[in-house]
Amino acid sequence: MNREQIIALLHASACSCVIANGERIESFHERGVKDLHRLLCDDRALLDGAFIADKVVGKGAAALMIAGGVKSVYADVMSRAALSLFETSNTSVEYGTLVDNIINRAGTDICPVEKLCKDCLTADECLPLISKFIESMQQ
């Protein structure tokens, strides 16, 4: 599949993101950064060199993608903070809409992971904050 087909798959299915790496193409359905965090911890090979088509990419997702070695990203919606972080990496980026901040599911505030990572300058600075957030959500 080419990039356009992978983006079309993102839009045609009820998934949150599609990751393509060589012949391996997988769709993911968790909200937020859970799937990316799990992949970074348990299946980094899928991320390394991959193309990701995602519906929403904030700074936390960008940090996980960069840490995983993702080569290229398409996002329907991307935050300015995510774009700035990508600009410090070797990841190529396309997006449909650039927004100031990713908003939480309730629409009342900035996404909690985006808030957590706002003062981080690098992807590596974001990772322990995201891990702690994911762990707290699982308890």
Protein backbone atom coordinates (compact mmCIF):
# COMPACT_ATOMS: atom_id res chain seq x y z
CA MET A 1 0.00 0.00 0.00
CA ASN A 2 1.16 3.51 -0.70
CA ARG A 3 0.78 6.57 1.56
CA GLU A 4 -2.51 7.68 0.02
CA GLN A 5 -4.02 4.20 0.48
CA ILE A 6 -2.90 4.11 4.12
CA ILE A 7 -4.44 7.54 4.76
CA ALA A 8 -7.63 6.35 3.03
CA LEU A 9 -7.65 3.28 5.30
CA LEU A 10 -7.40 5.61 8.32
CA HIS A 11 -10.47 7.51 7.13
CA ALA A 12 -12.46 4.43 6.06
CA SER A 13 -12.05 2.52 9.32
CA ALA A 14 -12.96 3.30 12.91
CA CYS A 15 -9.34 3.30 13.99
CA SER A 16 -7.24 6.02 15.55
CA CYS A 17 -4.11 5.36 13.50
CA VAL A 18 -2.61 3.11 10.85
CA ILE A 19 1.06 2.14 10.93
CA ALA A 20 2.85 0.80 7.88
CA ASN A 21 6.35 -0.59 7.97
CA GLY A 22 7.41 -2.60 4.92
CA GLU A 23 4.78 -5.27 4.30
CA ARG A 24 3.37 -4.92 7.82
CA ILE A 25 0.29 -2.69 8.10
CA GLU A 26 -1.66 -2.47 11.34
CA SER A 27 -4.59 -0.41 12.58
CA PHE A 28 -4.95 0.73 16.19
CA HIS A 29 -8.01 1.77 18.16
CA GLU A 30 -7.04 3.05 21.61
CA ARG A 31 -7.62 6.69 22.46
CA GLY A 32 -4.78 9.06 23.17
CA VAL A 33 -1.22 7.80 23.20
CA LYS A 34 -1.82 4.33 24.69
CA ASP A 35 -1.12 2.35 21.51
CA LEU A 36 2.02 4.32 20.66
CA HIS A 37 3.32 3.95 24.22
CA ARG A 38 2.67 0.20 24.19
CA LEU A 39 4.40 -0.17 20.83
CA LEU A 40 7.41 1.83 21.99
CA CYS A 41 7.73 -0.50 24.99
CA ASP A 42 6.77 -3.84 23.40
CA ASP A 43 7.06 -3.69 19.58
CA ARG A 44 9.47 -0.91 18.70
CA ALA A 45 10.34 -2.67 15.42
CA LEU A 46 6.94 -1.68 14.01
CA LEU A 47 7.68 1.99 14.67
CA ASP A 48 11.29 2.07 13.47
CA GLY A 49 11.23 3.47 9.93
CA ALA A 50 7.41 3.41 9.74
CA PHE A 51 4.84 5.67 8.12
CA ILE A 52 1.98 6.57 10.47
CA ALA A 53 -1.37 7.99 9.45
CA ASP A 54 -3.09 9.33 12.57
CA LYS A 55 -6.24 11.31 13.25
CA VAL A 56 -4.82 13.54 16.01
CA VAL A 57 -1.15 14.14 16.87
CA GLY A 58 -0.19 16.23 19.87
CA LYS A 59 3.21 16.73 21.42
CA GLY A 60 3.06 13.48 23.42
CA ALA A 61 2.28 11.37 20.35
CA ALA A 62 5.01 13.18 18.44
CA ALA A 63 7.51 12.38 21.21
CA LEU A 64 6.60 8.67 21.13
CA MET A 65 6.86 8.58 17.33
CA ILE A 66 10.25 10.30 17.35
CA ALA A 67 11.56 8.00 20.10
CA GLY A 68 10.37 5.00 18.10
CA GLY A 69 12.22 6.11 14.98
CA VAL A 70 9.15 6.80 12.85
CA LYS A 71 10.21 8.06 9.42
CA SER A 72 7.07 9.84 8.24
CA VAL A 73 3.74 11.02 9.72
CA TYR A 74 0.43 12.20 8.34
CA ALA A 75 -2.08 13.67 10.82
CA ASP A 76 -5.57 14.97 10.14
CA VAL A 77 -5.00 17.35 13.08
CA MET A 78 -1.62 18.30 14.53
CA SER A 79 -0.72 20.71 17.31
CA ARG A 80 1.89 23.42 16.83
CA ALA A 81 3.85 21.88 19.73
CA ALA A 82 3.94 18.52 17.94
CA LEU A 83 5.10 20.16 14.72
CA SER A 84 7.86 22.02 16.58
CA LEU A 85 9.04 18.76 18.16
CA PHE A 86 9.02 16.99 14.79
CA GLU A 87 11.14 19.81 13.37
CA THR A 88 13.92 18.78 15.79
CA SER A 89 13.90 15.22 14.39
CA ASN A 90 14.39 13.42 11.08
CA THR A 91 10.66 12.69 10.79
CA SER A 92 8.86 14.12 7.76
CA VAL A 93 5.40 15.49 8.50
CA GLU A 94 2.16 16.28 6.69
CA TYR A 95 -1.08 17.43 8.30
CA GLY A 96 -4.56 18.48 7.35
CA THR A 97 -5.14 21.08 10.08
CA LEU A 98 -2.62 22.74 12.40
CA VAL A 99 -4.05 23.81 15.77
CA ASP A 100 -2.65 25.67 18.76
CA ASN A 101 -3.44 22.80 21.15
CA ILE A 102 -5.06 19.39 21.16
CA ILE A 103 -8.23 19.62 23.24
CA ASN A 104 -9.39 16.97 25.73
CA ARG A 105 -12.31 14.64 24.94
CA ALA A 106 -14.74 16.75 26.97
CA GLY A 107 -13.76 19.82 24.96
CA THR A 108 -13.11 21.77 28.14
CA ASP A 109 -9.32 22.08 28.31
CA ILE A 110 -6.02 21.18 26.67
CA CYS A 111 -5.33 17.43 26.36
CA PRO A 112 -3.66 16.21 29.57
CA VAL A 113 -0.67 14.71 27.74
CA GLU A 114 -0.21 17.90 25.71
CA LYS A 115 -0.20 19.83 29.01
CA LEU A 116 2.26 17.41 30.62
CA CYS A 117 4.74 17.81 27.80
CA LYS A 118 4.36 21.56 27.18
CA ASP A 119 7.67 22.56 28.80
CA CYS A 120 9.70 19.65 27.39
CA LEU A 121 12.24 20.58 24.75
CA THR A 122 12.94 17.06 23.45
CA ALA A 123 11.10 13.80 22.89
CA ASP A 124 13.29 12.15 25.53
CA GLU A 125 12.11 14.67 28.14
CA CYS A 126 8.47 13.78 27.38
CA LEU A 127 8.81 9.99 27.68
CA PRO A 128 8.98 9.58 31.49
CA LEU A 129 6.05 11.98 31.91
CA ILE A 130 3.96 10.01 29.42
CA SER A 131 4.89 6.68 31.04
CA LYS A 132 3.86 7.97 34.45
CA PHE A 133 0.57 9.28 33.03
CA ILE A 134 -0.22 5.93 31.33
CA GLU A 135 0.59 4.04 34.55
CA SER A 136 -1.69 6.31 36.57
CA MET A 137 -4.54 5.70 34.10
CA GLN A 138 -4.20 1.92 34.52
CA GLN A 139 -4.66 2.01 38.28
